[in-house]
N, C-alpha and C. Protein backbone atom coordinates (compact mmCIF):
# COMPACT_ATOMS: atom_id res chain seq x y z
N MET A 1 -2.87 -11.49 0.17
CA MET A 1 -2.49 -11.75 -1.19
C MET A 1 -3.71 -12.08 -2.05
N ASN A 2 -4.69 -12.78 -1.48
CA ASN A 2 -5.88 -13.12 -2.25
C ASN A 2 -6.65 -11.88 -2.68
N TYR A 3 -6.68 -10.86 -1.79
CA TYR A 3 -7.36 -9.60 -2.12
C TYR A 3 -6.72 -8.98 -3.36
N PHE A 4 -5.39 -8.95 -3.42
CA PHE A 4 -4.72 -8.34 -4.56
C PHE A 4 -4.99 -9.13 -5.84
N ARG A 5 -4.93 -10.44 -5.74
CA ARG A 5 -5.21 -11.27 -6.92
C ARG A 5 -6.64 -11.08 -7.41
N ALA A 6 -7.58 -11.06 -6.47
CA ALA A 6 -8.99 -10.89 -6.84
C ALA A 6 -9.22 -9.50 -7.45
N THR A 7 -8.59 -8.48 -6.88
CA THR A 7 -8.71 -7.14 -7.42
C THR A 7 -8.14 -7.08 -8.83
N TRP A 8 -6.95 -7.66 -9.00
CA TRP A 8 -6.30 -7.66 -10.31
C TRP A 8 -7.15 -8.43 -11.32
N ASP A 9 -7.66 -9.59 -10.93
CA ASP A 9 -8.48 -10.38 -11.84
C ASP A 9 -9.73 -9.61 -12.26
N HIS A 10 -10.32 -8.89 -11.32
CA HIS A 10 -11.55 -8.16 -11.59
C HIS A 10 -11.31 -6.95 -12.49
N PHE A 11 -10.19 -6.25 -12.26
CA PHE A 11 -9.91 -5.00 -12.98
C PHE A 11 -8.68 -5.11 -13.86
N HIS A 12 -8.38 -6.30 -14.38
CA HIS A 12 -7.14 -6.53 -15.11
C HIS A 12 -6.92 -5.60 -16.29
N ASP A 13 -7.98 -5.02 -16.82
CA ASP A 13 -7.82 -4.13 -17.97
C ASP A 13 -7.81 -2.65 -17.58
N THR A 14 -7.72 -2.37 -16.28
CA THR A 14 -7.75 -1.00 -15.77
C THR A 14 -6.50 -0.74 -14.94
N ALA A 15 -5.90 0.43 -15.11
CA ALA A 15 -4.78 0.81 -14.24
C ALA A 15 -5.32 1.06 -12.83
N LEU A 16 -4.74 0.39 -11.85
CA LEU A 16 -5.22 0.50 -10.48
C LEU A 16 -4.29 1.39 -9.67
N THR A 17 -4.91 2.24 -8.85
CA THR A 17 -4.16 3.13 -7.97
C THR A 17 -4.78 3.04 -6.59
N ARG A 18 -3.95 2.91 -5.56
CA ARG A 18 -4.41 2.87 -4.16
C ARG A 18 -3.92 4.14 -3.49
N MET A 19 -4.82 4.83 -2.84
CA MET A 19 -4.50 6.10 -2.19
C MET A 19 -4.46 5.92 -0.68
N PHE A 20 -3.50 6.60 -0.05
CA PHE A 20 -3.41 6.62 1.41
C PHE A 20 -3.24 8.06 1.87
N CYS A 21 -3.74 8.33 3.05
CA CYS A 21 -3.44 9.58 3.73
C CYS A 21 -2.61 9.22 4.95
N VAL A 22 -1.39 9.73 4.98
CA VAL A 22 -0.49 9.49 6.11
C VAL A 22 0.05 10.86 6.54
N PRO A 23 -0.65 11.52 7.47
CA PRO A 23 -0.19 12.84 7.90
C PRO A 23 1.20 12.77 8.55
N ARG A 24 1.93 13.86 8.44
CA ARG A 24 3.28 13.92 9.03
C ARG A 24 3.25 13.63 10.53
N SER A 25 2.19 14.06 11.20
CA SER A 25 2.09 13.80 12.64
C SER A 25 2.01 12.29 12.92
N ALA A 26 1.36 11.54 12.04
CA ALA A 26 1.28 10.08 12.20
C ALA A 26 2.65 9.45 12.00
N VAL A 27 3.42 9.97 11.05
CA VAL A 27 4.77 9.46 10.82
C VAL A 27 5.62 9.72 12.05
N ALA A 28 5.57 10.96 12.55
CA ALA A 28 6.39 11.34 13.70
C ALA A 28 6.01 10.54 14.95
N GLY A 29 4.75 10.16 15.08
CA GLY A 29 4.29 9.45 16.26
C GLY A 29 4.36 7.94 16.16
N SER A 30 4.84 7.42 15.05
CA SER A 30 4.87 5.97 14.85
C SER A 30 6.26 5.40 15.08
N PRO A 31 6.33 4.26 15.76
CA PRO A 31 7.64 3.62 15.92
C PRO A 31 8.12 3.07 14.57
N MET A 32 9.41 2.82 14.48
CA MET A 32 10.01 2.39 13.23
C MET A 32 9.36 1.13 12.67
N PHE A 33 9.04 0.15 13.52
CA PHE A 33 8.47 -1.09 12.99
C PHE A 33 7.14 -0.84 12.28
N GLU A 34 6.32 0.11 12.75
CA GLU A 34 5.06 0.42 12.09
C GLU A 34 5.31 1.07 10.73
N ARG A 35 6.31 1.95 10.67
CA ARG A 35 6.63 2.60 9.40
C ARG A 35 7.17 1.57 8.40
N ILE A 36 7.96 0.61 8.88
CA ILE A 36 8.47 -0.44 7.99
C ILE A 36 7.32 -1.32 7.50
N LEU A 37 6.39 -1.66 8.37
CA LEU A 37 5.24 -2.47 7.95
C LEU A 37 4.40 -1.74 6.91
N LEU A 38 4.25 -0.43 7.06
CA LEU A 38 3.52 0.34 6.06
C LEU A 38 4.25 0.29 4.73
N LEU A 39 5.56 0.47 4.75
CA LEU A 39 6.34 0.41 3.51
C LEU A 39 6.24 -0.98 2.88
N LEU A 40 6.31 -2.03 3.67
CA LEU A 40 6.17 -3.39 3.14
C LEU A 40 4.78 -3.61 2.54
N SER A 41 3.76 -3.08 3.18
CA SER A 41 2.39 -3.20 2.66
C SER A 41 2.26 -2.52 1.30
N ILE A 42 2.84 -1.35 1.20
CA ILE A 42 2.78 -0.61 -0.06
C ILE A 42 3.63 -1.30 -1.12
N ALA A 43 4.77 -1.85 -0.72
CA ALA A 43 5.59 -2.60 -1.67
C ALA A 43 4.82 -3.81 -2.21
N LEU A 44 4.04 -4.46 -1.36
CA LEU A 44 3.23 -5.60 -1.79
C LEU A 44 2.20 -5.15 -2.83
N MET A 45 1.59 -4.00 -2.61
CA MET A 45 0.62 -3.50 -3.59
C MET A 45 1.31 -3.19 -4.91
N GLU A 46 2.45 -2.50 -4.83
CA GLU A 46 3.20 -2.17 -6.05
C GLU A 46 3.63 -3.45 -6.78
N ALA A 47 4.04 -4.46 -6.02
CA ALA A 47 4.45 -5.73 -6.62
C ALA A 47 3.29 -6.41 -7.35
N ASN A 48 2.07 -6.12 -6.93
CA ASN A 48 0.89 -6.70 -7.54
C ASN A 48 0.25 -5.77 -8.57
N GLY A 49 0.99 -4.77 -9.04
CA GLY A 49 0.52 -3.91 -10.11
C GLY A 49 -0.39 -2.78 -9.69
N ILE A 50 -0.49 -2.52 -8.40
CA ILE A 50 -1.32 -1.42 -7.92
C ILE A 50 -0.41 -0.25 -7.57
N GLN A 51 -0.54 0.85 -8.32
CA GLN A 51 0.28 2.03 -8.06
C GLN A 51 -0.24 2.73 -6.81
N VAL A 52 0.67 3.15 -5.94
CA VAL A 52 0.28 3.76 -4.68
C VAL A 52 0.64 5.24 -4.68
N LYS A 53 -0.27 6.03 -4.13
CA LYS A 53 -0.03 7.46 -3.92
C LYS A 53 -0.35 7.76 -2.47
N VAL A 54 0.41 8.68 -1.88
CA VAL A 54 0.25 9.01 -0.46
C VAL A 54 0.18 10.53 -0.33
N CYS A 55 -0.85 11.01 0.35
CA CYS A 55 -0.90 12.44 0.66
C CYS A 55 -0.73 12.62 2.16
N ASP A 56 -0.36 13.82 2.55
CA ASP A 56 -0.15 14.09 3.97
C ASP A 56 -1.22 15.01 4.55
N ASP A 57 -2.28 15.26 3.79
CA ASP A 57 -3.35 16.17 4.21
C ASP A 57 -4.26 15.47 5.21
N PRO A 58 -4.26 15.90 6.48
CA PRO A 58 -5.07 15.23 7.51
C PRO A 58 -6.57 15.18 7.19
N GLU A 59 -7.05 16.08 6.34
CA GLU A 59 -8.47 16.08 5.98
C GLU A 59 -8.90 14.77 5.32
N TYR A 60 -7.96 14.07 4.71
CA TYR A 60 -8.29 12.83 4.01
C TYR A 60 -8.05 11.58 4.85
N SER A 61 -7.70 11.74 6.10
CA SER A 61 -7.38 10.58 6.93
C SER A 61 -8.60 9.73 7.27
N GLN A 62 -9.80 10.26 7.12
CA GLN A 62 -11.00 9.49 7.42
C GLN A 62 -11.67 8.90 6.18
N VAL A 63 -11.09 9.13 5.00
CA VAL A 63 -11.65 8.56 3.77
C VAL A 63 -11.38 7.06 3.78
N GLU A 64 -12.41 6.28 3.48
CA GLU A 64 -12.24 4.84 3.45
C GLU A 64 -11.23 4.44 2.38
N GLY A 65 -10.57 3.32 2.60
CA GLY A 65 -9.64 2.81 1.60
C GLY A 65 -10.42 2.29 0.41
N PHE A 66 -9.97 2.65 -0.78
CA PHE A 66 -10.70 2.24 -1.98
C PHE A 66 -9.76 2.09 -3.16
N VAL A 67 -10.23 1.33 -4.13
CA VAL A 67 -9.57 1.23 -5.43
C VAL A 67 -10.66 1.53 -6.45
N LEU A 68 -10.41 2.52 -7.31
CA LEU A 68 -11.36 2.84 -8.37
C LEU A 68 -11.17 1.87 -9.52
N GLY A 69 -12.26 1.35 -9.99
CA GLY A 69 -12.23 0.46 -11.15
C GLY A 69 -12.96 1.11 -12.31
N GLY A 70 -12.26 1.96 -13.03
CA GLY A 70 -12.89 2.67 -14.13
C GLY A 70 -13.87 3.72 -13.62
N GLN A 71 -14.90 3.98 -14.38
CA GLN A 71 -15.87 5.01 -14.03
C GLN A 71 -17.10 4.46 -13.31
N SER A 72 -17.23 3.15 -13.22
CA SER A 72 -18.49 2.60 -12.74
C SER A 72 -18.44 1.85 -11.42
N GLN A 73 -17.26 1.66 -10.84
CA GLN A 73 -17.20 0.84 -9.64
C GLN A 73 -15.97 1.17 -8.81
N ALA A 74 -16.10 1.00 -7.51
CA ALA A 74 -14.97 1.11 -6.59
C ALA A 74 -15.03 -0.06 -5.63
N ILE A 75 -13.86 -0.55 -5.24
CA ILE A 75 -13.78 -1.57 -4.20
C ILE A 75 -13.32 -0.86 -2.93
N ILE A 76 -14.07 -1.04 -1.88
CA ILE A 76 -13.75 -0.46 -0.59
C ILE A 76 -13.23 -1.59 0.29
N ALA A 77 -12.01 -1.41 0.81
CA ALA A 77 -11.43 -2.47 1.63
C ALA A 77 -10.55 -1.83 2.69
N ASN A 78 -10.99 -1.91 3.94
CA ASN A 78 -10.19 -1.33 5.02
C ASN A 78 -10.76 -1.73 6.38
N TRP A 79 -10.14 -1.18 7.39
CA TRP A 79 -10.67 -1.37 8.73
C TRP A 79 -10.78 -0.03 9.45
N VAL A 80 -10.91 1.05 8.68
CA VAL A 80 -11.09 2.38 9.25
C VAL A 80 -12.41 2.42 10.01
N ARG A 81 -12.38 2.89 11.21
CA ARG A 81 -13.56 3.02 12.07
C ARG A 81 -14.30 1.70 12.24
N GLY A 82 -13.61 0.59 12.08
CA GLY A 82 -14.27 -0.71 12.16
C GLY A 82 -13.92 -1.50 13.40
N ASP A 83 -13.25 -0.90 14.35
CA ASP A 83 -12.87 -1.60 15.58
C ASP A 83 -12.21 -2.94 15.29
N GLY A 84 -11.30 -2.92 14.33
CA GLY A 84 -10.55 -4.13 14.02
C GLY A 84 -11.27 -5.09 13.11
N ILE A 85 -12.45 -4.73 12.62
CA ILE A 85 -13.20 -5.60 11.73
C ILE A 85 -12.87 -5.22 10.30
N TRP A 86 -12.42 -6.18 9.52
CA TRP A 86 -12.08 -5.98 8.13
C TRP A 86 -13.37 -5.81 7.34
N HIS A 87 -13.43 -4.79 6.49
CA HIS A 87 -14.63 -4.50 5.71
C HIS A 87 -14.27 -4.44 4.23
N VAL A 88 -14.96 -5.23 3.42
CA VAL A 88 -14.77 -5.21 1.97
C VAL A 88 -16.15 -5.06 1.34
N ASP A 89 -16.25 -4.15 0.38
CA ASP A 89 -17.51 -3.90 -0.29
C ASP A 89 -17.22 -3.30 -1.66
N THR A 90 -18.25 -3.20 -2.48
CA THR A 90 -18.12 -2.49 -3.74
C THR A 90 -19.11 -1.33 -3.71
N ALA A 91 -18.79 -0.29 -4.46
CA ALA A 91 -19.67 0.87 -4.56
C ALA A 91 -19.90 1.18 -6.03
N ARG A 92 -21.16 1.43 -6.34
CA ARG A 92 -21.51 1.79 -7.73
C ARG A 92 -22.33 3.07 -7.78
N ARG A 93 -22.77 3.58 -6.62
CA ARG A 93 -23.61 4.78 -6.58
C ARG A 93 -22.81 5.99 -7.07
N ALA A 94 -23.39 6.75 -7.95
CA ALA A 94 -22.70 7.88 -8.59
C ALA A 94 -22.13 8.88 -7.58
N SER A 95 -22.87 9.17 -6.52
CA SER A 95 -22.39 10.17 -5.55
C SER A 95 -21.16 9.66 -4.79
N VAL A 96 -21.15 8.37 -4.46
CA VAL A 96 -20.00 7.78 -3.76
C VAL A 96 -18.79 7.76 -4.69
N LEU A 97 -19.01 7.34 -5.94
CA LEU A 97 -17.91 7.32 -6.91
C LEU A 97 -17.37 8.72 -7.16
N SER A 98 -18.25 9.70 -7.18
CA SER A 98 -17.81 11.09 -7.37
C SER A 98 -16.92 11.54 -6.21
N ASP A 99 -17.31 11.20 -4.98
CA ASP A 99 -16.48 11.54 -3.82
C ASP A 99 -15.12 10.86 -3.90
N PHE A 100 -15.11 9.58 -4.29
CA PHE A 100 -13.85 8.86 -4.42
C PHE A 100 -12.98 9.46 -5.53
N ARG A 101 -13.60 9.84 -6.66
CA ARG A 101 -12.82 10.47 -7.74
C ARG A 101 -12.23 11.80 -7.29
N GLU A 102 -12.99 12.57 -6.52
CA GLU A 102 -12.49 13.85 -6.00
C GLU A 102 -11.30 13.62 -5.08
N ALA A 103 -11.44 12.68 -4.16
CA ALA A 103 -10.32 12.36 -3.25
C ALA A 103 -9.13 11.85 -4.04
N SER A 104 -9.40 11.01 -5.03
CA SER A 104 -8.34 10.47 -5.86
C SER A 104 -7.59 11.57 -6.60
N GLY A 105 -8.31 12.53 -7.13
CA GLY A 105 -7.68 13.64 -7.83
C GLY A 105 -6.80 14.46 -6.91
N HIS A 106 -7.29 14.71 -5.68
CA HIS A 106 -6.50 15.48 -4.73
C HIS A 106 -5.22 14.74 -4.35
N VAL A 107 -5.37 13.47 -4.00
CA VAL A 107 -4.20 12.70 -3.58
C VAL A 107 -3.21 12.56 -4.74
N SER A 108 -3.72 12.34 -5.94
CA SER A 108 -2.84 12.21 -7.11
C SER A 108 -2.01 13.47 -7.33
N SER A 109 -2.64 14.61 -7.17
CA SER A 109 -1.92 15.86 -7.43
C SER A 109 -1.09 16.33 -6.25
N HIS A 110 -1.24 15.70 -5.10
CA HIS A 110 -0.48 16.10 -3.92
C HIS A 110 0.28 14.94 -3.28
N SER A 111 0.57 13.91 -4.05
CA SER A 111 1.24 12.74 -3.50
C SER A 111 2.67 13.08 -3.07
N VAL A 112 3.01 12.68 -1.85
CA VAL A 112 4.36 12.93 -1.33
C VAL A 112 5.35 11.89 -1.83
N ILE A 113 4.86 10.91 -2.58
CA ILE A 113 5.76 9.89 -3.14
C ILE A 113 5.63 9.83 -4.66
N ASP A 114 5.29 10.94 -5.27
CA ASP A 114 5.08 10.98 -6.71
C ASP A 114 6.36 10.64 -7.46
N ALA A 115 6.30 9.62 -8.26
CA ALA A 115 7.42 9.19 -9.10
C ALA A 115 6.86 8.28 -10.19
N PRO A 116 7.52 8.20 -11.33
CA PRO A 116 6.99 7.41 -12.44
C PRO A 116 7.16 5.90 -12.31
N THR A 117 7.99 5.44 -11.37
CA THR A 117 8.25 4.00 -11.24
C THR A 117 8.00 3.53 -9.81
N PRO A 118 7.75 2.22 -9.64
CA PRO A 118 7.63 1.70 -8.28
C PRO A 118 8.89 1.96 -7.45
N ALA A 119 10.07 1.83 -8.05
CA ALA A 119 11.32 2.08 -7.31
C ALA A 119 11.36 3.51 -6.79
N GLY A 120 11.00 4.45 -7.64
CA GLY A 120 11.00 5.86 -7.22
C GLY A 120 9.99 6.13 -6.13
N ARG A 121 8.80 5.52 -6.25
CA ARG A 121 7.77 5.72 -5.22
C ARG A 121 8.18 5.11 -3.89
N LEU A 122 8.78 3.93 -3.93
CA LEU A 122 9.20 3.28 -2.68
C LEU A 122 10.36 4.04 -2.03
N GLN A 123 11.29 4.54 -2.81
CA GLN A 123 12.38 5.35 -2.25
C GLN A 123 11.84 6.64 -1.64
N ALA A 124 10.90 7.29 -2.34
CA ALA A 124 10.29 8.51 -1.81
C ALA A 124 9.52 8.21 -0.52
N LEU A 125 8.84 7.07 -0.50
CA LEU A 125 8.11 6.68 0.71
C LEU A 125 9.07 6.44 1.87
N ALA A 126 10.17 5.77 1.62
CA ALA A 126 11.16 5.54 2.68
C ALA A 126 11.65 6.88 3.23
N ARG A 127 11.92 7.84 2.35
CA ARG A 127 12.35 9.17 2.83
C ARG A 127 11.26 9.81 3.66
N TYR A 128 10.01 9.76 3.17
CA TYR A 128 8.89 10.37 3.89
C TYR A 128 8.69 9.73 5.26
N LEU A 129 8.88 8.41 5.33
CA LEU A 129 8.70 7.69 6.59
C LEU A 129 9.96 7.72 7.46
N ASP A 130 10.98 8.42 7.00
CA ASP A 130 12.24 8.54 7.73
C ASP A 130 12.87 7.17 7.99
N LEU A 131 12.95 6.38 6.90
CA LEU A 131 13.58 5.07 6.95
C LEU A 131 14.83 5.09 6.10
N ASP A 132 15.85 4.41 6.55
CA ASP A 132 17.13 4.33 5.83
C ASP A 132 16.96 3.35 4.67
N TRP A 133 16.90 3.86 3.44
CA TRP A 133 16.65 3.04 2.26
C TRP A 133 17.73 1.98 2.05
N ALA A 134 18.99 2.36 2.23
CA ALA A 134 20.08 1.40 2.02
C ALA A 134 19.99 0.25 3.02
N TRP A 135 19.76 0.56 4.28
CA TRP A 135 19.62 -0.47 5.30
C TRP A 135 18.40 -1.34 5.02
N LEU A 136 17.29 -0.69 4.70
CA LEU A 136 16.04 -1.40 4.46
C LEU A 136 16.15 -2.36 3.28
N THR A 137 16.74 -1.90 2.18
CA THR A 137 16.85 -2.77 1.01
C THR A 137 17.80 -3.94 1.28
N ALA A 138 18.87 -3.68 2.01
CA ALA A 138 19.78 -4.78 2.35
C ALA A 138 19.07 -5.83 3.21
N ARG A 139 18.31 -5.38 4.20
CA ARG A 139 17.57 -6.33 5.06
C ARG A 139 16.51 -7.07 4.26
N CYS A 140 15.83 -6.39 3.36
CA CYS A 140 14.81 -7.04 2.54
C CYS A 140 15.43 -8.09 1.64
N GLN A 141 16.58 -7.79 1.06
CA GLN A 141 17.27 -8.78 0.23
C GLN A 141 17.63 -10.01 1.06
N GLN A 142 18.12 -9.79 2.27
CA GLN A 142 18.47 -10.92 3.14
C GLN A 142 17.23 -11.73 3.51
N LEU A 143 16.15 -11.04 3.87
CA LEU A 143 14.91 -11.75 4.24
C LEU A 143 14.31 -12.49 3.05
N ALA A 144 14.40 -11.91 1.87
CA ALA A 144 13.87 -12.57 0.67
C ALA A 144 14.63 -13.87 0.40
N GLN A 145 15.93 -13.87 0.64
CA GLN A 145 16.73 -15.09 0.43
C GLN A 145 16.43 -16.14 1.49
N ALA A 146 16.23 -15.70 2.73
CA ALA A 146 15.99 -16.64 3.84
C ALA A 146 14.55 -17.12 3.90
N GLU A 147 13.62 -16.35 3.37
CA GLU A 147 12.18 -16.56 3.48
C GLU A 147 11.74 -16.40 4.93
N THR A 148 10.75 -15.57 5.12
CA THR A 148 10.33 -15.21 6.47
C THR A 148 9.63 -16.33 7.22
N ALA A 149 9.19 -17.38 6.54
CA ALA A 149 8.53 -18.49 7.24
C ALA A 149 9.48 -19.14 8.25
N SER A 150 10.78 -19.00 8.01
CA SER A 150 11.74 -19.57 8.97
C SER A 150 11.90 -18.67 10.20
N LEU A 151 11.39 -17.43 10.12
CA LEU A 151 11.55 -16.48 11.22
C LEU A 151 10.24 -16.13 11.92
N LEU A 152 9.14 -16.14 11.17
CA LEU A 152 7.85 -15.71 11.68
C LEU A 152 6.88 -16.88 11.77
N ARG A 153 6.09 -16.89 12.81
CA ARG A 153 5.08 -17.92 12.98
C ARG A 153 3.74 -17.24 13.24
N PRO A 154 2.93 -17.06 12.19
CA PRO A 154 1.61 -16.46 12.39
C PRO A 154 0.78 -17.30 13.36
N ARG A 155 -0.03 -16.63 14.16
CA ARG A 155 -0.86 -17.32 15.15
C ARG A 155 -2.15 -17.87 14.55
N SER A 156 -2.48 -17.42 13.34
CA SER A 156 -3.71 -17.86 12.71
C SER A 156 -3.39 -18.62 11.42
N ARG A 157 -4.16 -19.64 11.14
CA ARG A 157 -3.96 -20.38 9.90
C ARG A 157 -4.42 -19.56 8.70
N HIS A 158 -5.10 -18.44 8.94
CA HIS A 158 -5.58 -17.57 7.88
C HIS A 158 -4.53 -16.55 7.44
N ILE A 159 -3.42 -16.51 8.13
CA ILE A 159 -2.36 -15.56 7.82
C ILE A 159 -1.12 -16.34 7.40
N SER A 160 -0.47 -15.84 6.36
CA SER A 160 0.78 -16.48 5.94
C SER A 160 1.86 -15.42 5.81
N THR A 161 3.06 -15.87 5.64
CA THR A 161 4.18 -14.95 5.47
C THR A 161 4.45 -14.67 3.99
N ALA A 162 3.64 -15.20 3.11
CA ALA A 162 3.86 -15.05 1.66
C ALA A 162 3.91 -13.59 1.24
N GLY A 163 3.03 -12.77 1.78
CA GLY A 163 3.02 -11.35 1.42
C GLY A 163 4.29 -10.64 1.84
N VAL A 164 4.80 -10.97 3.02
CA VAL A 164 6.05 -10.37 3.49
C VAL A 164 7.19 -10.78 2.56
N ASP A 165 7.20 -12.04 2.17
CA ASP A 165 8.24 -12.53 1.25
C ASP A 165 8.18 -11.81 -0.09
N VAL A 166 6.98 -11.65 -0.63
CA VAL A 166 6.82 -10.96 -1.91
C VAL A 166 7.29 -9.50 -1.79
N ALA A 167 6.86 -8.83 -0.72
CA ALA A 167 7.25 -7.42 -0.52
C ALA A 167 8.76 -7.28 -0.37
N CYS A 168 9.37 -8.14 0.42
CA CYS A 168 10.82 -8.07 0.61
C CYS A 168 11.56 -8.33 -0.70
N ALA A 169 11.11 -9.33 -1.44
CA ALA A 169 11.76 -9.64 -2.73
C ALA A 169 11.60 -8.47 -3.69
N PHE A 170 10.42 -7.86 -3.71
CA PHE A 170 10.17 -6.74 -4.61
C PHE A 170 11.07 -5.55 -4.26
N ILE A 171 11.19 -5.25 -2.98
CA ILE A 171 12.08 -4.16 -2.56
C ILE A 171 13.51 -4.49 -2.91
N GLY A 172 13.94 -5.72 -2.66
CA GLY A 172 15.29 -6.13 -2.99
C GLY A 172 15.57 -6.03 -4.47
N GLN A 173 14.63 -6.48 -5.31
CA GLN A 173 14.81 -6.38 -6.76
C GLN A 173 14.78 -4.94 -7.23
N THR A 174 13.91 -4.13 -6.61
CA THR A 174 13.80 -2.72 -6.96
C THR A 174 15.13 -2.02 -6.67
N ALA A 175 15.71 -2.33 -5.53
CA ALA A 175 16.99 -1.70 -5.16
C ALA A 175 18.10 -2.14 -6.10
N ALA A 176 18.08 -3.39 -6.49
CA ALA A 176 19.13 -3.91 -7.38
C ALA A 176 19.07 -3.24 -8.76
N ARG A 177 17.86 -2.87 -9.20
CA ARG A 177 17.70 -2.24 -10.51
C ARG A 177 17.99 -0.75 -10.50
N SER A 178 17.93 -0.11 -9.33
CA SER A 178 18.09 1.34 -9.31
C SER A 178 19.51 1.77 -9.02
């Protein structure tokens, strides 16, 4: 949650978009709980004002996770090729930003969850991930009311259930409005 707040504070005057590459083979090979966690992660981003786009082109699966901040900066935050080590950095070099803009353009024009609203994007994502939207939204509404802290016990003091609660509440509210 702190990452999203810091990103929003830093780029509050810029529309933020987060791009993912999730090839169909990865969806087919993932158990349901992993697909639900991905949807919850994306719901958390959408809840924090970051629009998400997802492409299925395997060529983009090795692109680092990034958020473009206007024309002059990108925030790189992921654990791709990091052996479980979280990596956060900023990039300002023109060639790196150009590569990110190119990837961003491709993903934007080929997003498998393209929709004008967070509700539409999350519903499209649920379909893409082969998740039952009605079941998922009902469970999220129930979890949002119960709060996940009563069900989950993180093993580290650095992890909280707040993000799960926000994502579940956002999905529940999104479903109620649609």
